All heavy atoms as atom14 arrays in JSON, in Angstrom:
{
  "sequence": "GNVVGSNIYNILGIGGTTALIAPSDLPPEILGFDAPL",
  "atom14_mask": [
    [1, 1, 1, 1, 0, 0, 0, 0, 0, 0, 0, 0, 0, 0],
    [1, 1, 1, 1, 1, 1, 1, 1, 0, 0, 0, 0, 0, 0],
    [1, 1, 1, 1, 1, 1, 1, 0, 0, 0, 0, 0, 0, 0],
    [1, 1, 1, 1, 1, 1, 1, 0, 0, 0, 0, 0, 0, 0],
    [1, 1, 1, 1, 0, 0, 0, 0, 0, 0, 0, 0, 0, 0],
    [1, 1, 1, 1, 1, 1, 0, 0, 0, 0, 0, 0, 0, 0],
    [1, 1, 1, 1, 1, 1, 1, 1, 0, 0, 0, 0, 0, 0],
    [1, 1, 1, 1, 1, 1, 1, 1, 0, 0, 0, 0, 0, 0],
    [1, 1, 1, 1, 1, 1, 1, 1, 1, 1, 1, 1, 0, 0],
    [1, 1, 1, 1, 1, 1, 1, 1, 0, 0, 0, 0, 0, 0],
    [1, 1, 1, 1, 1, 1, 1, 1, 0, 0, 0, 0, 0, 0],
    [1, 1, 1, 1, 1, 1, 1, 1, 0, 0, 0, 0, 0, 0],
    [1, 1, 1, 1, 0, 0, 0, 0, 0, 0, 0, 0, 0, 0],
    [1, 1, 1, 1, 1, 1, 1, 1, 0, 0, 0, 0, 0, 0],
    [1, 1, 1, 1, 0, 0, 0, 0, 0, 0, 0, 0, 0, 0],
    [1, 1, 1, 1, 0, 0, 0, 0, 0, 0, 0, 0, 0, 0],
    [1, 1, 1, 1, 1, 1, 1, 0, 0, 0, 0, 0, 0, 0],
    [1, 1, 1, 1, 1, 1, 1, 0, 0, 0, 0, 0, 0, 0],
    [1, 1, 1, 1, 1, 0, 0, 0, 0, 0, 0, 0, 0, 0],
    [1, 1, 1, 1, 1, 1, 1, 1, 0, 0, 0, 0, 0, 0],
    [1, 1, 1, 1, 1, 1, 1, 1, 0, 0, 0, 0, 0, 0],
    [1, 1, 1, 1, 1, 0, 0, 0, 0, 0, 0, 0, 0, 0],
    [1, 1, 1, 1, 1, 1, 1, 0, 0, 0, 0, 0, 0, 0],
    [1, 1, 1, 1, 1, 1, 0, 0, 0, 0, 0, 0, 0, 0],
    [1, 1, 1, 1, 1, 1, 1, 1, 0, 0, 0, 0, 0, 0],
    [1, 1, 1, 1, 1, 1, 1, 1, 0, 0, 0, 0, 0, 0],
    [1, 1, 1, 1, 1, 1, 1, 0, 0, 0, 0, 0, 0, 0],
    [1, 1, 1, 1, 1, 1, 1, 0, 0, 0, 0, 0, 0, 0],
    [1, 1, 1, 1, 1, 1, 1, 1, 1, 0, 0, 0, 0, 0],
    [1, 1, 1, 1, 1, 1, 1, 1, 0, 0, 0, 0, 0, 0],
    [1, 1, 1, 1, 1, 1, 1, 1, 0, 0, 0, 0, 0, 0],
    [1, 1, 1, 1, 0, 0, 0, 0, 0, 0, 0, 0, 0, 0],
    [1, 1, 1, 1, 1, 1, 1, 1, 1, 1, 1, 0, 0, 0],
    [1, 1, 1, 1, 1, 1, 1, 1, 0, 0, 0, 0, 0, 0],
    [1, 1, 1, 1, 1, 0, 0, 0, 0, 0, 0, 0, 0, 0],
    [1, 1, 1, 1, 1, 1, 1, 0, 0, 0, 0, 0, 0, 0],
    [1, 1, 1, 1, 1, 1, 1, 1, 0, 0, 0, 0, 0, 0]
  ],
  "atom14_positions": [
    [[-18.98, -0.6, -7.01], [-18.87, -2.05, -6.72], [-19.41, -2.9, -7.84], [-18.81, -3.98, -8.12], [0.0, 0.0, 0.0], [0.0, 0.0, 0.0], [0.0, 0.0, 0.0], [0.0, 0.0, 0.0], [0.0, 0.0, 0.0], [0.0, 0.0, 0.0], [0.0, 0.0, 0.0], [0.0, 0.0, 0.0], [0.0, 0.0, 0.0], [0.0, 0.0, 0.0]],
    [[-20.46, -2.46, -8.49], [-21.03, -3.21, -9.63], [-20.02, -3.24, -10.79], [-19.83, -4.33, -11.39], [-22.32, -2.56, -10.07], [-23.08, -3.41, -11.05], [-22.78, -4.59, -11.22], [-24.08, -2.8, -11.67], [0.0, 0.0, 0.0], [0.0, 0.0, 0.0], [0.0, 0.0, 0.0], [0.0, 0.0, 0.0], [0.0, 0.0, 0.0], [0.0, 0.0, 0.0]],
    [[-19.39, -2.15, -11.08], [-18.43, -2.1, -12.16], [-17.18, -2.95, -11.86], [-16.8, -3.76, -12.7], [-18.04, -0.64, -12.48], [-16.86, -0.57, -13.43], [-19.23, 0.13, -13.1], [0.0, 0.0, 0.0], [0.0, 0.0, 0.0], [0.0, 0.0, 0.0], [0.0, 0.0, 0.0], [0.0, 0.0, 0.0], [0.0, 0.0, 0.0], [0.0, 0.0, 0.0]],
    [[-16.64, -2.75, -10.72], [-15.44, -3.51, -10.29], [-15.76, -5.0, -10.2], [-14.99, -5.81, -10.74], [-14.85, -2.96, -8.96], [-13.76, -3.85, -8.46], [-14.37, -1.54, -9.17], [0.0, 0.0, 0.0], [0.0, 0.0, 0.0], [0.0, 0.0, 0.0], [0.0, 0.0, 0.0], [0.0, 0.0, 0.0], [0.0, 0.0, 0.0], [0.0, 0.0, 0.0]],
    [[-16.84, -5.36, -9.63], [-17.23, -6.77, -9.52], [-17.45, -7.41, -10.87], [-17.09, -8.54, -11.13], [0.0, 0.0, 0.0], [0.0, 0.0, 0.0], [0.0, 0.0, 0.0], [0.0, 0.0, 0.0], [0.0, 0.0, 0.0], [0.0, 0.0, 0.0], [0.0, 0.0, 0.0], [0.0, 0.0, 0.0], [0.0, 0.0, 0.0], [0.0, 0.0, 0.0]],
    [[-18.09, -6.7, -11.77], [-18.35, -7.2, -13.11], [-17.04, -7.42, -13.83], [-16.83, -8.44, -14.5], [-19.2, -6.2, -13.89], [-19.34, -6.6, -15.21], [0.0, 0.0, 0.0], [0.0, 0.0, 0.0], [0.0, 0.0, 0.0], [0.0, 0.0, 0.0], [0.0, 0.0, 0.0], [0.0, 0.0, 0.0], [0.0, 0.0, 0.0], [0.0, 0.0, 0.0]],
    [[-16.1, -6.44, -13.69], [-14.79, -6.62, -14.37], [-14.01, -7.84, -13.81], [-13.43, -8.58, -14.55], [-13.97, -5.36, -14.22], [-14.47, -4.22, -15.11], [-15.18, -4.47, -16.06], [-14.08, -3.03, -14.75], [0.0, 0.0, 0.0], [0.0, 0.0, 0.0], [0.0, 0.0, 0.0], [0.0, 0.0, 0.0], [0.0, 0.0, 0.0], [0.0, 0.0, 0.0]],
    [[-13.99, -7.97, -12.51], [-13.34, -9.11, -11.91], [-13.92, -10.42, -12.35], [-13.23, -11.37, -12.72], [-13.35, -8.96, -10.37], [-12.44, -7.83, -9.92], [-12.86, -10.27, -9.73], [-12.53, -7.47, -8.46], [0.0, 0.0, 0.0], [0.0, 0.0, 0.0], [0.0, 0.0, 0.0], [0.0, 0.0, 0.0], [0.0, 0.0, 0.0], [0.0, 0.0, 0.0]],
    [[-15.27, -10.49, -12.38], [-15.92, -11.74, -12.79], [-15.62, -12.01, -14.25], [-15.35, -13.16, -14.62], [-17.46, -11.59, -12.57], [-18.16, -12.82, -13.07], [-18.1, -14.04, -12.44], [-18.87, -12.76, -14.28], [-18.78, -15.17, -12.9], [-19.52, -13.88, -14.79], [-19.47, -15.07, -14.09], [-20.1, -16.16, -14.6], [0.0, 0.0, 0.0], [0.0, 0.0, 0.0]],
    [[-15.68, -11.01, -15.11], [-15.45, -11.25, -16.53], [-14.02, -11.71, -16.81], [-13.79, -12.61, -17.59], [-15.72, -9.99, -17.36], [-17.18, -9.72, -17.49], [-18.0, -10.67, -17.46], [-17.59, -8.48, -17.63], [0.0, 0.0, 0.0], [0.0, 0.0, 0.0], [0.0, 0.0, 0.0], [0.0, 0.0, 0.0], [0.0, 0.0, 0.0], [0.0, 0.0, 0.0]],
    [[-13.06, -11.11, -16.12], [-11.65, -11.52, -16.34], [-11.38, -12.86, -15.76], [-10.85, -13.75, -16.4], [-10.72, -10.46, -15.73], [-10.8, -9.14, -16.52], [-9.28, -10.96, -15.72], [-10.1, -7.98, -15.85], [0.0, 0.0, 0.0], [0.0, 0.0, 0.0], [0.0, 0.0, 0.0], [0.0, 0.0, 0.0], [0.0, 0.0, 0.0], [0.0, 0.0, 0.0]],
    [[-11.73, -13.09, -14.49], [-11.39, -14.33, -13.83], [-12.4, -15.46, -14.14], [-12.0, -16.58, -14.41], [-11.28, -14.12, -12.32], [-10.19, -13.12, -11.89], [-10.24, -12.94, -10.39], [-8.82, -13.56, -12.39], [0.0, 0.0, 0.0], [0.0, 0.0, 0.0], [0.0, 0.0, 0.0], [0.0, 0.0, 0.0], [0.0, 0.0, 0.0], [0.0, 0.0, 0.0]],
    [[-13.69, -15.19, -14.03], [-14.65, -16.23, -14.19], [-14.81, -16.67, -15.64], [-14.63, -17.85, -15.96], [0.0, 0.0, 0.0], [0.0, 0.0, 0.0], [0.0, 0.0, 0.0], [0.0, 0.0, 0.0], [0.0, 0.0, 0.0], [0.0, 0.0, 0.0], [0.0, 0.0, 0.0], [0.0, 0.0, 0.0], [0.0, 0.0, 0.0], [0.0, 0.0, 0.0]],
    [[-15.1, -15.75, -16.55], [-15.32, -16.11, -17.91], [-14.01, -16.49, -18.59], [-13.9, -17.46, -19.31], [-15.97, -14.91, -18.7], [-17.32, -14.55, -18.04], [-16.16, -15.26, -20.16], [-18.35, -15.69, -17.99], [0.0, 0.0, 0.0], [0.0, 0.0, 0.0], [0.0, 0.0, 0.0], [0.0, 0.0, 0.0], [0.0, 0.0, 0.0], [0.0, 0.0, 0.0]],
    [[-12.92, -15.69, -18.33], [-11.66, -16.01, -18.95], [-11.1, -17.32, -18.45], [-10.58, -18.14, -19.21], [0.0, 0.0, 0.0], [0.0, 0.0, 0.0], [0.0, 0.0, 0.0], [0.0, 0.0, 0.0], [0.0, 0.0, 0.0], [0.0, 0.0, 0.0], [0.0, 0.0, 0.0], [0.0, 0.0, 0.0], [0.0, 0.0, 0.0], [0.0, 0.0, 0.0]],
    [[-11.24, -17.64, -17.14], [-10.79, -18.9, -16.61], [-11.57, -20.1, -17.13], [-11.01, -21.14, -17.46], [0.0, 0.0, 0.0], [0.0, 0.0, 0.0], [0.0, 0.0, 0.0], [0.0, 0.0, 0.0], [0.0, 0.0, 0.0], [0.0, 0.0, 0.0], [0.0, 0.0, 0.0], [0.0, 0.0, 0.0], [0.0, 0.0, 0.0], [0.0, 0.0, 0.0]],
    [[-12.88, -19.96, -17.22], [-13.71, -21.03, -17.74], [-13.36, -21.29, -19.21], [-13.28, -22.47, -19.58], [-15.2, -20.69, -17.6], [-15.48, -20.42, -16.19], [-16.06, -21.8, -18.09], [0.0, 0.0, 0.0], [0.0, 0.0, 0.0], [0.0, 0.0, 0.0], [0.0, 0.0, 0.0], [0.0, 0.0, 0.0], [0.0, 0.0, 0.0], [0.0, 0.0, 0.0]],
    [[-13.2, -20.25, -19.96], [-12.85, -20.44, -21.33], [-11.49, -21.14, -21.48], [-11.31, -22.01, -22.36], [-12.77, -19.08, -22.07], [-14.05, -18.44, -21.93], [-12.44, -19.22, -23.53], [0.0, 0.0, 0.0], [0.0, 0.0, 0.0], [0.0, 0.0, 0.0], [0.0, 0.0, 0.0], [0.0, 0.0, 0.0], [0.0, 0.0, 0.0], [0.0, 0.0, 0.0]],
    [[-10.53, -20.78, -20.67], [-9.21, -21.37, -20.71], [-9.27, -22.85, -20.27], [-8.52, -23.66, -20.81], [-8.23, -20.66, -19.82], [0.0, 0.0, 0.0], [0.0, 0.0, 0.0], [0.0, 0.0, 0.0], [0.0, 0.0, 0.0], [0.0, 0.0, 0.0], [0.0, 0.0, 0.0], [0.0, 0.0, 0.0], [0.0, 0.0, 0.0], [0.0, 0.0, 0.0]],
    [[-10.17, -23.21, -19.39], [-10.34, -24.63, -18.98], [-10.95, -25.42, -20.14], [-10.56, -26.6, -20.33], [-11.23, -24.71, -17.76], [-10.57, -24.36, -16.45], [-11.61, -24.38, -15.34], [-9.45, -25.26, -16.11], [0.0, 0.0, 0.0], [0.0, 0.0, 0.0], [0.0, 0.0, 0.0], [0.0, 0.0, 0.0], [0.0, 0.0, 0.0], [0.0, 0.0, 0.0]],
    [[-11.86, -24.87, -20.84], [-12.56, -25.61, -21.94], [-11.68, -25.68, -23.15], [-11.55, -26.77, -23.79], [-13.9, -24.93, -22.24], [-14.86, -25.06, -21.06], [-14.55, -25.55, -23.47], [-16.09, -24.27, -21.16], [0.0, 0.0, 0.0], [0.0, 0.0, 0.0], [0.0, 0.0, 0.0], [0.0, 0.0, 0.0], [0.0, 0.0, 0.0], [0.0, 0.0, 0.0]],
    [[-11.1, -24.58, -23.59], [-10.3, -24.55, -24.84], [-9.0, -23.78, -24.58], [-8.95, -22.63, -24.9], [-11.11, -23.96, -25.95], [0.0, 0.0, 0.0], [0.0, 0.0, 0.0], [0.0, 0.0, 0.0], [0.0, 0.0, 0.0], [0.0, 0.0, 0.0], [0.0, 0.0, 0.0], [0.0, 0.0, 0.0], [0.0, 0.0, 0.0], [0.0, 0.0, 0.0]],
    [[-8.01, -24.43, -23.97], [-6.74, -23.73, -23.7], [-6.08, -23.29, -25.02], [-6.16, -23.97, -26.05], [-5.89, -24.76, -22.99], [-6.66, -26.01, -22.92], [-8.0, -25.8, -23.57], [0.0, 0.0, 0.0], [0.0, 0.0, 0.0], [0.0, 0.0, 0.0], [0.0, 0.0, 0.0], [0.0, 0.0, 0.0], [0.0, 0.0, 0.0], [0.0, 0.0, 0.0]],
    [[-5.5, -22.14, -25.01], [-4.78, -21.57, -26.17], [-3.73, -20.6, -25.63], [-3.72, -20.14, -24.51], [-5.74, -20.88, -27.1], [-6.32, -19.77, -26.52], [0.0, 0.0, 0.0], [0.0, 0.0, 0.0], [0.0, 0.0, 0.0], [0.0, 0.0, 0.0], [0.0, 0.0, 0.0], [0.0, 0.0, 0.0], [0.0, 0.0, 0.0], [0.0, 0.0, 0.0]],
    [[-2.79, -20.26, -26.54], [-1.74, -19.29, -26.22], [-2.26, -17.89, -26.49], [-3.01, -17.67, -27.46], [-0.48, -19.58, -27.05], [0.14, -20.9, -26.67], [0.04, -21.31, -25.55], [0.76, -21.51, -27.58], [0.0, 0.0, 0.0], [0.0, 0.0, 0.0], [0.0, 0.0, 0.0], [0.0, 0.0, 0.0], [0.0, 0.0, 0.0], [0.0, 0.0, 0.0]],
    [[-1.81, -16.96, -25.65], [-2.15, -15.53, -25.89], [-1.13, -14.95, -26.85], [0.06, -15.17, -26.75], [-2.09, -14.74, -24.59], [-3.25, -15.01, -23.62], [-3.01, -14.25, -22.35], [-4.57, -14.56, -24.26], [0.0, 0.0, 0.0], [0.0, 0.0, 0.0], [0.0, 0.0, 0.0], [0.0, 0.0, 0.0], [0.0, 0.0, 0.0], [0.0, 0.0, 0.0]],
    [[-1.62, -14.15, -27.81], [-0.69, -13.47, -28.73], [0.22, -12.51, -27.95], [-0.19, -11.94, -26.96], [-1.63, -12.71, -29.67], [-2.94, -13.34, -29.54], [-3.0, -13.92, -28.15], [0.0, 0.0, 0.0], [0.0, 0.0, 0.0], [0.0, 0.0, 0.0], [0.0, 0.0, 0.0], [0.0, 0.0, 0.0], [0.0, 0.0, 0.0], [0.0, 0.0, 0.0]],
    [[1.44, -12.34, -28.4], [2.36, -11.42, -27.69], [1.88, -10.0, -27.7], [2.26, -9.23, -26.77], [3.66, -11.54, -28.48], [3.49, -12.59, -29.5], [2.1, -13.05, -29.49], [0.0, 0.0, 0.0], [0.0, 0.0, 0.0], [0.0, 0.0, 0.0], [0.0, 0.0, 0.0], [0.0, 0.0, 0.0], [0.0, 0.0, 0.0], [0.0, 0.0, 0.0]],
    [[1.05, -9.56, -28.64], [0.53, -8.24, -28.68], [-0.33, -7.94, -27.46], [-0.33, -6.85, -26.89], [-0.29, -7.97, -29.94], [0.55, -8.01, -31.22], [0.69, -9.43, -31.77], [-0.12, -10.29, -31.35], [1.59, -9.64, -32.56], [0.0, 0.0, 0.0], [0.0, 0.0, 0.0], [0.0, 0.0, 0.0], [0.0, 0.0, 0.0], [0.0, 0.0, 0.0]],
    [[-1.13, -8.93, -27.1], [-2.05, -8.8, -25.92], [-1.16, -8.74, -24.65], [-1.41, -7.85, -23.8], [-3.04, -9.94, -25.86], [-4.03, -9.79, -26.97], [-3.76, -9.95, -24.51], [-5.04, -10.93, -27.1], [0.0, 0.0, 0.0], [0.0, 0.0, 0.0], [0.0, 0.0, 0.0], [0.0, 0.0, 0.0], [0.0, 0.0, 0.0], [0.0, 0.0, 0.0]],
    [[-0.2, -9.57, -24.55], [0.6, -9.56, -23.31], [1.53, -8.35, -23.2], [1.79, -7.91, -22.13], [1.47, -10.88, -23.26], [0.7, -12.15, -23.05], [1.65, -13.34, -23.15], [-0.04, -12.15, -21.72], [0.0, 0.0, 0.0], [0.0, 0.0, 0.0], [0.0, 0.0, 0.0], [0.0, 0.0, 0.0], [0.0, 0.0, 0.0], [0.0, 0.0, 0.0]],
    [[1.93, -7.88, -24.33], [2.9, -6.73, -24.35], [2.25, -5.37, -24.29], [2.84, -4.4, -23.82], [0.0, 0.0, 0.0], [0.0, 0.0, 0.0], [0.0, 0.0, 0.0], [0.0, 0.0, 0.0], [0.0, 0.0, 0.0], [0.0, 0.0, 0.0], [0.0, 0.0, 0.0], [0.0, 0.0, 0.0], [0.0, 0.0, 0.0], [0.0, 0.0, 0.0]],
    [[0.97, -5.22, -24.79], [0.4, -3.9, -24.91], [-0.99, -3.85, -24.25], [-1.2, -3.0, -23.38], [0.28, -3.47, -26.37], [-0.35, -2.12, -26.55], [0.32, -0.97, -26.22], [-1.65, -2.02, -27.1], [-0.26, 0.25, -26.4], [-2.19, -0.78, -27.26], [-1.54, 0.34, -26.91], [0.0, 0.0, 0.0], [0.0, 0.0, 0.0], [0.0, 0.0, 0.0]],
    [[-1.9, -4.75, -24.63], [-3.26, -4.65, -24.17], [-3.39, -4.92, -22.69], [-4.12, -4.18, -22.0], [-4.13, -5.62, -24.96], [-4.26, -5.27, -26.38], [-4.11, -4.07, -26.74], [-4.47, -6.18, -27.25], [0.0, 0.0, 0.0], [0.0, 0.0, 0.0], [0.0, 0.0, 0.0], [0.0, 0.0, 0.0], [0.0, 0.0, 0.0], [0.0, 0.0, 0.0]],
    [[-2.75, -5.94, -22.16], [-2.89, -6.27, -20.76], [-2.31, -5.15, -19.84], [-3.0, -4.71, -18.9], [-2.26, -7.62, -20.44], [0.0, 0.0, 0.0], [0.0, 0.0, 0.0], [0.0, 0.0, 0.0], [0.0, 0.0, 0.0], [0.0, 0.0, 0.0], [0.0, 0.0, 0.0], [0.0, 0.0, 0.0], [0.0, 0.0, 0.0], [0.0, 0.0, 0.0]],
    [[-1.14, -4.68, -20.08], [-0.6, -3.54, -19.26], [-1.49, -2.28, -19.38], [-1.69, -1.55, -18.39], [0.79, -3.29, -19.77], [1.2, -4.55, -20.46], [-0.05, -5.16, -21.02], [0.0, 0.0, 0.0], [0.0, 0.0, 0.0], [0.0, 0.0, 0.0], [0.0, 0.0, 0.0], [0.0, 0.0, 0.0], [0.0, 0.0, 0.0], [0.0, 0.0, 0.0]],
    [[-1.99, -2.04, -20.58], [-2.86, -0.89, -20.76], [-4.15, -1.05, -19.93], [-4.61, -0.08, -19.33], [-3.18, -0.67, -22.24], [-4.05, 0.53, -22.57], [-3.25, 1.81, -22.24], [-4.45, 0.53, -24.02], [0.0, 0.0, 0.0], [0.0, 0.0, 0.0], [0.0, 0.0, 0.0], [0.0, 0.0, 0.0], [0.0, 0.0, 0.0], [0.0, 0.0, 0.0]]
  ]
}
């Protein structure tokens, strides 16, 4: 639960807050390879 909760918080909480403060486009390499991996 600690590992899963930490991952969810890092992806949604930190990633979302960062996107609200400084929106930017994701590189296609991340969307095509890193995210599915």
